[in-house]
PDB file of N, CA and C in Angstrom:
ATOM      1  N   SER A   1     -10.151  56.800 108.838  1.00  0.00           N
ATOM      2  CA  SER A   1      -9.744  55.491 108.316  1.00  0.00           C
ATOM      3  C   SER A   1      -8.271  55.195 108.684  1.00  0.00           C
ATOM      4  N   HIS A   2      -7.419  56.201 108.432  1.00  0.00           N
ATOM      5  CA  HIS A   2      -5.988  56.048 108.772  1.00  0.00           C
ATOM      6  C   HIS A   2      -5.803  55.853 110.250  1.00  0.00           C
ATOM      7  N   ILE A   3      -6.496  56.652 111.057  1.00  0.00           N
ATOM      8  CA  ILE A   3      -6.432  56.572 112.494  1.00  0.00           C
ATOM      9  C   ILE A   3      -6.918  55.173 113.006  1.00  0.00           C
ATOM     10  N   MET A   4      -7.974  54.707 112.450  1.00  0.00           N
ATOM     11  CA  MET A   4      -8.525  53.396 112.841  1.00  0.00           C
ATOM     12  C   MET A   4      -7.561  52.264 112.484  1.00  0.00           C
ATOM     13  N   SER A   5      -6.959  52.387 111.344  1.00  0.00           N
ATOM     14  CA  SER A   5      -6.000  51.271 110.934  1.00  0.00           C
ATOM     15  C   SER A   5      -4.727  51.321 111.819  1.00  0.00           C
ATOM     16  N   GLU A   6      -4.335  52.502 112.243  1.00  0.00           N
ATOM     17  CA  GLU A   6      -3.179  52.650 113.049  1.00  0.00           C
ATOM     18  C   GLU A   6      -3.438  52.211 114.510  1.00  0.00           C
ATOM     19  N   TYR A   7      -4.566  52.531 115.035  1.00  0.00           N
ATOM     20  CA  TYR A   7      -4.843  52.288 116.463  1.00  0.00           C
ATOM     21  C   TYR A   7      -5.860  51.140 116.615  1.00  0.00           C
ATOM     22  N   GLY A   8      -6.488  50.696 115.575  1.00  0.00           N
ATOM     23  CA  GLY A   8      -7.503  49.678 115.706  1.00  0.00           C
ATOM     24  C   GLY A   8      -6.975  48.324 115.936  1.00  0.00           C
ATOM     25  N   ARG A   9      -5.704  48.057 115.662  1.00  0.00           N
ATOM     26  CA  ARG A   9      -5.183  46.758 115.846  1.00  0.00           C
ATOM     27  C   ARG A   9      -4.352  46.674 117.095  1.00  0.00           C
ATOM     28  N   MET A  10      -4.500  45.543 117.743  1.00  0.00           N
ATOM     29  CA  MET A  10      -3.796  45.361 118.998  1.00  0.00           C
ATOM     30  C   MET A  10      -2.549  44.536 118.729  1.00  0.00           C
ATOM     31  N   THR A  11      -1.513  44.767 119.524  1.00  0.00           N
ATOM     32  CA  THR A  11      -0.331  43.966 119.380  1.00  0.00           C
ATOM     33  C   THR A  11      -0.512  42.601 120.098  1.00  0.00           C
ATOM     34  N   ASP A  12       0.340  41.667 119.778  1.00  0.00           N
ATOM     35  CA  ASP A  12       0.268  40.381 120.443  1.00  0.00           C
ATOM     36  C   ASP A  12       0.524  40.492 121.963  1.00  0.00           C
ATOM     37  N   THR A  13       1.379  41.446 122.312  1.00  0.00           N
ATOM     38  CA  THR A  13       1.637  41.711 123.724  1.00  0.00           C
ATOM     39  C   THR A  13       0.407  42.200 124.434  1.00  0.00           C
ATOM     40  N   GLU A  14      -0.318  43.093 123.762  1.00  0.00           N
ATOM     41  CA  GLU A  14      -1.562  43.554 124.386  1.00  0.00           C
ATOM     42  C   GLU A  14      -2.577  42.508 124.516  1.00  0.00           C
ATOM     43  N   ARG A  15      -2.692  41.619 123.510  1.00  0.00           N
ATOM     44  CA  ARG A  15      -3.617  40.492 123.590  1.00  0.00           C
ATOM     45  C   ARG A  15      -3.237  39.534 124.650  1.00  0.00           C
ATOM     46  N   ASP A  16      -1.944  39.269 124.748  1.00  0.00           N
ATOM     47  CA  ASP A  16      -1.467  38.379 125.844  1.00  0.00           C
ATOM     48  C   ASP A  16      -1.787  38.950 127.204  1.00  0.00           C
ATOM     49  N   GLN A  17      -1.651  40.242 127.360  1.00  0.00           N
ATOM     50  CA  GLN A  17      -1.950  40.906 128.655  1.00  0.00           C
ATOM     51  C   GLN A  17      -3.447  40.773 128.993  1.00  0.00           C
ATOM     52  N   ILE A  18      -4.241  40.981 127.955  1.00  0.00           N
ATOM     53  CA  ILE A  18      -5.761  40.834 128.175  1.00  0.00           C
ATOM     54  C   ILE A  18      -6.051  39.451 128.495  1.00  0.00           C
ATOM     55  N   ASP A  19      -5.453  38.470 127.834  1.00  0.00           N
ATOM     56  CA  ASP A  19      -5.694  37.048 128.174  1.00  0.00           C
ATOM     57  C   ASP A  19      -5.343  36.763 129.636  1.00  0.00           C
ATOM     58  N   GLN A  20      -4.162  37.252 130.016  1.00  0.00           N
ATOM     59  CA  GLN A  20      -3.713  37.017 131.368  1.00  0.00           C
ATOM     60  C   GLN A  20      -4.651  37.685 132.415  1.00  0.00           C
ATOM     61  N   ASP A  21      -5.014  38.928 132.114  1.00  0.00           N
ATOM     62  CA  ASP A  21      -5.931  39.655 133.012  1.00  0.00           C
ATOM     63  C   ASP A  21      -7.327  38.942 133.112  1.00  0.00           C
ATOM     64  N   ALA A  22      -7.783  38.487 131.976  1.00  0.00           N
ATOM     65  CA  ALA A  22      -9.098  37.790 131.898  1.00  0.00           C
ATOM     66  C   ALA A  22      -9.069  36.555 132.732  1.00  0.00           C
ATOM     67  N   GLN A  23      -7.979  35.750 132.615  1.00  0.00           N
ATOM     68  CA  GLN A  23      -7.850  34.560 133.393  1.00  0.00           C
ATOM     69  C   GLN A  23      -7.817  34.832 134.915  1.00  0.00           C
ATOM     70  N   VAL A  24      -7.054  35.842 135.274  1.00  0.00           N
ATOM     71  CA  VAL A  24      -7.018  36.179 136.689  1.00  0.00           C
ATOM     72  C   VAL A  24      -8.386  36.655 137.180  1.00  0.00           C
ATOM     73  N   PHE A  25      -9.091  37.447 136.353  1.00  0.00           N
ATOM     74  CA  PHE A  25     -10.416  37.940 136.739  1.00  0.00           C
ATOM     75  C   PHE A  25     -11.399  36.781 136.882  1.00  0.00           C
ATOM     76  N   MET A  26     -11.360  35.850 135.924  1.00  0.00           N
ATOM     77  CA  MET A  26     -12.307  34.683 136.008  1.00  0.00           C
ATOM     78  C   MET A  26     -12.003  33.827 137.230  1.00  0.00           C
ATOM     79  N   ARG A  27     -10.734  33.639 137.535  1.00  0.00           N
ATOM     80  CA  ARG A  27     -10.397  32.866 138.710  1.00  0.00           C
ATOM     81  C   ARG A  27     -10.794  33.591 139.997  1.00  0.00           C
ATOM     82  N   THR A  28     -10.626  34.910 139.990  1.00  0.00           N
ATOM     83  CA  THR A  28     -11.069  35.689 141.163  1.00  0.00           C
ATOM     84  C   THR A  28     -12.581  35.591 141.347  1.00  0.00           C
ATOM     85  N   CYS A  29     -13.321  35.687 140.265  1.00  0.00           N
ATOM     86  CA  CYS A  29     -14.756  35.582 140.335  1.00  0.00           C
ATOM     87  C   CYS A  29     -15.195  34.171 140.866  1.00  0.00           C
ATOM     88  N   ALA A  30     -14.543  33.171 140.361  1.00  0.00           N
ATOM     89  CA  ALA A  30     -14.846  31.776 140.814  1.00  0.00           C
ATOM     90  C   ALA A  30     -14.562  31.617 142.301  1.00  0.00           C
ATOM     91  N   ASP A  31     -13.465  32.183 142.747  1.00  0.00           N
ATOM     92  CA  ASP A  31     -13.116  32.106 144.156  1.00  0.00           C
ATOM     93  C   ASP A  31     -14.145  32.915 145.008  1.00  0.00           C
ATOM     94  N   ALA A  32     -14.560  34.067 144.496  1.00  0.00           N
ATOM     95  CA  ALA A  32     -15.568  34.868 145.205  1.00  0.00           C
ATOM     96  C   ALA A  32     -16.864  34.096 145.329  1.00  0.00           C
ATOM     97  N   ILE A  33     -17.303  33.467 144.268  1.00  0.00           N
ATOM     98  CA  ILE A  33     -18.546  32.658 144.296  1.00  0.00           C
ATOM     99  C   ILE A  33     -18.415  31.538 145.297  1.00  0.00           C
ATOM    100  N   HIS A  34     -17.265  30.873 145.287  1.00  0.00           N
ATOM    101  CA  HIS A  34     -17.067  29.792 146.255  1.00  0.00           C
ATOM    102  C   HIS A  34     -17.137  30.338 147.713  1.00  0.00           C
ATOM    103  N   GLN A  35     -16.502  31.461 147.921  1.00  0.00           N
ATOM    104  CA  GLN A  35     -16.542  32.070 149.288  1.00  0.00           C
ATOM    105  C   GLN A  35     -17.967  32.482 149.657  1.00  0.00           C
ATOM    106  N   LEU A  36     -18.664  33.050 148.709  1.00  0.00           N
ATOM    107  CA  LEU A  36     -20.064  33.458 148.992  1.00  0.00           C
ATOM    108  C   LEU A  36     -20.920  32.206 149.321  1.00  0.00           C
ATOM    109  N   ARG A  37     -20.667  31.082 148.616  1.00  0.00           N
ATOM    110  CA  ARG A  37     -21.371  29.880 148.865  1.00  0.00           C
ATOM    111  C   ARG A  37     -21.183  29.392 150.296  1.00  0.00           C
ATOM    112  N   THR A  38     -19.930  29.518 150.687  1.00  0.00           N
ATOM    113  CA  THR A  38     -19.559  29.076 152.072  1.00  0.00           C
ATOM    114  C   THR A  38     -20.229  29.973 153.105  1.00  0.00           C
ATOM    115  N   GLU A  39     -20.285  31.274 152.859  1.00  0.00           N
ATOM    116  CA  GLU A  39     -20.828  32.208 153.816  1.00  0.00           C
ATOM    117  C   GLU A  39     -22.327  32.352 153.764  1.00  0.00           C
ATOM    118  N   ALA A  40     -22.957  31.951 152.649  1.00  0.00           N
ATOM    119  CA  ALA A  40     -24.354  32.241 152.413  1.00  0.00           C
ATOM    120  C   ALA A  40     -25.317  31.613 153.393  1.00  0.00           C
ATOM    121  N   HIS A  41     -24.954  30.511 153.940  1.00  0.00           N
ATOM    122  CA  HIS A  41     -25.932  29.806 154.825  1.00  0.00           C
ATOM    123  C   HIS A  41     -25.585  29.927 156.319  1.00  0.00           C
ATOM    124  N   LYS A  42     -24.538  30.611 156.609  1.00  0.00           N
ATOM    125  CA  LYS A  42     -24.202  30.791 158.048  1.00  0.00           C
ATOM    126  C   LYS A  42     -25.230  31.666 158.742  1.00  0.00           C
ATOM    127  N   GLY A  43     -25.779  31.160 159.790  1.00  0.00           N
ATOM    128  CA  GLY A  43     -26.739  31.932 160.592  1.00  0.00           C
ATOM    129  C   GLY A  43     -28.111  32.072 160.006  1.00  0.00           C
ATOM    130  N   VAL A  44     -28.374  31.413 158.877  1.00  0.00           N
ATOM    131  CA  VAL A  44     -29.692  31.552 158.242  1.00  0.00           C
ATOM    132  C   VAL A  44     -30.520  30.370 158.669  1.00  0.00           C
ATOM    133  N   LEU A  45     -31.698  30.668 159.221  1.00  0.00           N
ATOM    134  CA  LEU A  45     -32.573  29.601 159.705  1.00  0.00           C
ATOM    135  C   LEU A  45     -33.641  29.222 158.650  1.00  0.00           C
ATOM    136  N   SER A  46     -34.024  30.169 157.850  1.00  0.00           N
ATOM    137  CA  SER A  46     -35.132  29.976 156.941  1.00  0.00           C
ATOM    138  C   SER A  46     -34.672  29.130 155.719  1.00  0.00           C
ATOM    139  N   ALA A  47     -35.415  28.095 155.486  1.00  0.00           N
ATOM    140  CA  ALA A  47     -35.149  27.226 154.334  1.00  0.00           C
ATOM    141  C   ALA A  47     -35.345  27.979 153.008  1.00  0.00           C
ATOM    142  N   GLN A  48     -36.287  28.854 153.023  1.00  0.00           N
ATOM    143  CA  GLN A  48     -36.591  29.647 151.797  1.00  0.00           C
ATOM    144  C   GLN A  48     -35.441  30.600 151.446  1.00  0.00           C
ATOM    145  N   VAL A  49     -34.844  31.207 152.485  1.00  0.00           N
ATOM    146  CA  VAL A  49     -33.707  32.077 152.228  1.00  0.00           C
ATOM    147  C   VAL A  49     -32.526  31.288 151.747  1.00  0.00           C
ATOM    148  N   LYS A  50     -32.267  30.101 152.340  1.00  0.00           N
ATOM    149  CA  LYS A  50     -31.200  29.224 151.915  1.00  0.00           C
ATOM    150  C   LYS A  50     -31.379  28.802 150.444  1.00  0.00           C
ATOM    151  N   GLU A  51     -32.624  28.438 150.114  1.00  0.00           N
ATOM    152  CA  GLU A  51     -32.866  28.014 148.768  1.00  0.00           C
ATOM    153  C   GLU A  51     -32.717  29.125 147.779  1.00  0.00           C
ATOM    154  N   HIS A  52     -33.162  30.319 148.140  1.00  0.00           N
ATOM    155  CA  HIS A  52     -33.021  31.500 147.292  1.00  0.00           C
ATOM    156  C   HIS A  52     -31.518  31.801 147.048  1.00  0.00           C
ATOM    157  N   ARG A  53     -30.752  31.839 148.093  1.00  0.00           N
ATOM    158  CA  ARG A  53     -29.324  32.103 147.932  1.00  0.00           C
ATOM    159  C   ARG A  53     -28.622  31.098 147.115  1.00  0.00           C
ATOM    160  N   THR A  54     -28.987  29.849 147.300  1.00  0.00           N
ATOM    161  CA  THR A  54     -28.389  28.790 146.501  1.00  0.00           C
ATOM    162  C   THR A  54     -28.729  28.976 145.028  1.00  0.00           C
ATOM    163  N   ALA A  55     -29.981  29.304 144.757  1.00  0.00           N
ATOM    164  CA  ALA A  55     -30.414  29.509 143.356  1.00  0.00           C
ATOM    165  C   ALA A  55     -29.686  30.653 142.736  1.00  0.00           C
ATOM    166  N   VAL A  56     -29.506  31.766 143.469  1.00  0.00           N
ATOM    167  CA  VAL A  56     -28.826  32.952 142.939  1.00  0.00           C
ATOM    168  C   VAL A  56     -27.351  32.611 142.660  1.00  0.00           C
ATOM    169  N   LEU A  57     -26.715  31.907 143.617  1.00  0.00           N
ATOM    170  CA  LEU A  57     -25.287  31.533 143.425  1.00  0.00           C
ATOM    171  C   LEU A  57     -25.126  30.555 142.269  1.00  0.00           C
ATOM    172  N   ASP A  58     -26.111  29.642 142.116  1.00  0.00           N
ATOM    173  CA  ASP A  58     -26.095  28.750 140.986  1.00  0.00           C
ATOM    174  C   ASP A  58     -26.170  29.494 139.648  1.00  0.00           C
ATOM    175  N   PHE A  59     -27.037  30.490 139.629  1.00  0.00           N
ATOM    176  CA  PHE A  59     -27.243  31.287 138.411  1.00  0.00           C
ATOM    177  C   PHE A  59     -25.884  32.087 138.105  1.00  0.00           C
ATOM    178  N   ILE A  60     -25.331  32.683 139.110  1.00  0.00           N
ATOM    179  CA  ILE A  60     -24.128  33.426 138.916  1.00  0.00           C
ATOM    180  C   ILE A  60     -22.965  32.532 138.417  1.00  0.00           C
ATOM    181  N   GLU A  61     -22.867  31.371 139.057  1.00  0.00           N
ATOM    182  CA  GLU A  61     -21.843  30.405 138.706  1.00  0.00           C
ATOM    183  C   GLU A  61     -22.041  29.890 137.256  1.00  0.00           C
ATOM    184  N   ASP A  62     -23.267  29.667 136.870  1.00  0.00           N
ATOM    185  CA  ASP A  62     -23.549  29.217 135.520  1.00  0.00           C
ATOM    186  C   ASP A  62     -23.182  30.320 134.507  1.00  0.00           C
ATOM    187  N   TYR A  63     -23.518  31.560 134.892  1.00  0.00           N
ATOM    188  CA  TYR A  63     -23.205  32.697 133.976  1.00  0.00           C
ATOM    189  C   TYR A  63     -21.667  32.798 133.797  1.00  0.00           C
ATOM    190  N   LEU A  64     -20.939  32.648 134.933  1.00  0.00           N
ATOM    191  CA  LEU A  64     -19.466  32.689 134.822  1.00  0.00           C
ATOM    192  C   LEU A  64     -18.947  31.604 133.950  1.00  0.00           C
ATOM    193  N   LYS A  65     -19.508  30.407 134.044  1.00  0.00           N
ATOM    194  CA  LYS A  65     -19.079  29.273 133.200  1.00  0.00           C
ATOM    195  C   LYS A  65     -19.330  29.546 131.754  1.00  0.00           C
ATOM    196  N   ARG A  66     -20.469  30.180 131.463  1.00  0.00           N
ATOM    197  CA  ARG A  66     -20.776  30.497 130.049  1.00  0.00           C
ATOM    198  C   ARG A  66     -19.796  31.569 129.532  1.00  0.00           C
ATOM    199  N   VAL A  67     -19.482  32.532 130.347  1.00  0.00           N
ATOM    200  CA  VAL A  67     -18.477  33.565 129.991  1.00  0.00           C
ATOM    201  C   VAL A  67     -17.099  32.903 129.727  1.00  0.00           C
ATOM    202  N   CYS A  68     -16.702  32.013 130.610  1.00  0.00           N
ATOM    203  CA  CYS A  68     -15.435  31.303 130.463  1.00  0.00           C
ATOM    204  C   CYS A  68     -15.423  30.516 129.186  1.00  0.00           C
ATOM    205  N   LYS A  69     -16.479  29.833 128.887  1.00  0.00           N
ATOM    206  CA  LYS A  69     -16.590  29.037 127.687  1.00  0.00           C
ATOM    207  C   LYS A  69     -16.469  29.929 126.429  1.00  0.00           C
ATOM    208  N   LEU A  70     -17.139  31.055 126.426  1.00  0.00           N
ATOM    209  CA  LEU A  70     -17.037  31.989 125.309  1.00  0.00           C
ATOM    210  C   LEU A  70     -15.608  32.521 125.150  1.00  0.00           C
ATOM    211  N   TYR A  71     -15.020  32.885 126.288  1.00  0.00           N
ATOM    212  CA  TYR A  71     -13.642  33.305 126.247  1.00  0.00           C
ATOM    213  C   TYR A  71     -12.701  32.237 125.708  1.00  0.00           C
ATOM    214  N   SER A  72     -12.887  31.011 126.125  1.00  0.00           N
ATOM    215  CA  SER A  72     -12.091  29.896 125.612  1.00  0.00           C
ATOM    216  C   SER A  72     -12.242  29.705 124.140  1.00  0.00           C
ATOM    217  N   GLU A  73     -13.437  29.818 123.676  1.00  0.00           N
ATOM    218  CA  GLU A  73     -13.671  29.698 122.222  1.00  0.00           C
ATOM    219  C   GLU A  73     -13.021  30.823 121.451  1.00  0.00           C
ATOM    220  N   GLN A  74     -13.083  32.032 121.955  1.00  0.00           N
ATOM    221  CA  GLN A  74     -12.458  33.158 121.260  1.00  0.00           C
ATOM    222  C   GLN A  74     -10.938  33.004 121.314  1.00  0.00           C
ATOM    223  N   ARG A  75     -10.372  32.531 122.403  1.00  0.00           N
ATOM    224  CA  ARG A  75      -8.936  32.316 122.530  1.00  0.00           C
ATOM    225  C   ARG A  75      -8.484  31.215 121.546  1.00  0.00           C
ATOM    226  N   ALA A  76      -9.293  30.165 121.418  1.00  0.00           N
ATOM    227  CA  ALA A  76      -8.952  29.105 120.535  1.00  0.00           C
ATOM    228  C   ALA A  76      -8.873  29.587 119.071  1.00  0.00           C
ATOM    229  N   ILE A  77      -9.778  30.485 118.703  1.00  0.00           N
ATOM    230  CA  ILE A  77      -9.762  31.071 117.360  1.00  0.00           C
ATOM    231  C   ILE A  77      -8.478  31.877 117.171  1.00  0.00           C
ATOM    232  N   ARG A  78      -8.100  32.644 118.182  1.00  0.00           N
ATOM    233  CA  ARG A  78      -6.865  33.420 118.077  1.00  0.00           C
ATOM    234  C   ARG A  78      -5.614  32.537 117.899  1.00  0.00           C
ATOM    235  N   VAL A  79      -5.576  31.477 118.727  1.00  0.00           N
ATOM    236  CA  VAL A  79      -4.438  30.509 118.670  1.00  0.00           C
ATOM    237  C   VAL A  79      -4.397  29.840 117.283  1.00  0.00           C
ATOM    238  N   LYS A  80      -5.556  29.501 116.814  1.00  0.00           N
ATOM    239  CA  LYS A  80      -5.638  28.863 115.428  1.00  0.00           C
ATOM    240  C   LYS A  80      -5.088  29.818 114.366  1.00  0.00           C
ATOM    241  N   ARG A  81      -5.498  31.072 114.475  1.00  0.00           N
ATOM    242  CA  ARG A  81      -5.035  32.042 113.503  1.00  0.00           C
ATOM    243  C   ARG A  81      -3.481  32.201 113.580  1.00  0.00           C
ATOM    244  N   VAL A  82      -2.957  32.258 114.757  1.00  0.00           N
ATOM    245  CA  VAL A  82      -1.504  32.389 114.910  1.00  0.00           C
ATOM    246  C   VAL A  82      -0.795  31.158 114.292  1.00  0.00           C
ATOM    247  N   ILE A  83      -1.302  29.984 114.504  1.00  0.00           N
ATOM    248  CA  ILE A  83      -0.722  28.792 113.986  1.00  0.00           C
ATOM    249  C   ILE A  83      -0.826  28.775 112.472  1.00  0.00           C
ATOM    250  N   ASP A  84      -1.946  29.192 111.918  1.00  0.00           N
ATOM    251  CA  ASP A  84      -2.148  29.267 110.471  1.00  0.00           C
ATOM    252  C   ASP A  84      -1.177  30.280 109.884  1.00  0.00           C
ATOM    253  N   LYS A  85      -0.962  31.363 110.511  1.00  0.00           N
ATOM    254  CA  LYS A  85      -0.007  32.402 110.008  1.00  0.00           C
ATOM    255  C   LYS A  85       1.391  31.859 109.995  1.00  0.00           C
ATOM    256  N   LYS A  86       1.753  31.068 111.041  1.00  0.00           N
ATOM    257  CA  LYS A  86       3.140  30.478 111.082  1.00  0.00           C
ATOM    258  C   LYS A  86       3.314  29.481 109.992  1.00  0.00           C
ATOM    259  N   ARG A  87       2.295  28.764 109.648  1.00  0.00           N
ATOM    260  CA  ARG A  87       2.329  27.730 108.559  1.00  0.00           C
ATOM    261  C   ARG A  87       2.588  28.365 107.206  1.00  0.00           C
ATOM    262  N   LEU A  88       2.029  29.575 107.037  1.00  0.00           N
ATOM    263  CA  LEU A  88       2.154  30.285 105.763  1.00  0.00           C
ATOM    264  C   LEU A  88       3.576  30.835 105.669  1.00  0.00           C
TER     265      LEU A  88
END
């Protein structure tokens, strides 16, 4: 219990670093998806392959958007808590 209370809490600096890393990671993923989309159809003659690749990339992009939305909601909760603490 004592160990968990001592190490279980993160500092604001650690949270800020995680936020920064998460934003960089999400941006990197979005860029990678965009690059894959650009490269996906080069040299492909089959309409079925093109359609499949487009569907896979759409799915991955949608998943990333849902992750980003969840991250934004969690970050908003954190910001709200910080503001509430300052008010008190």
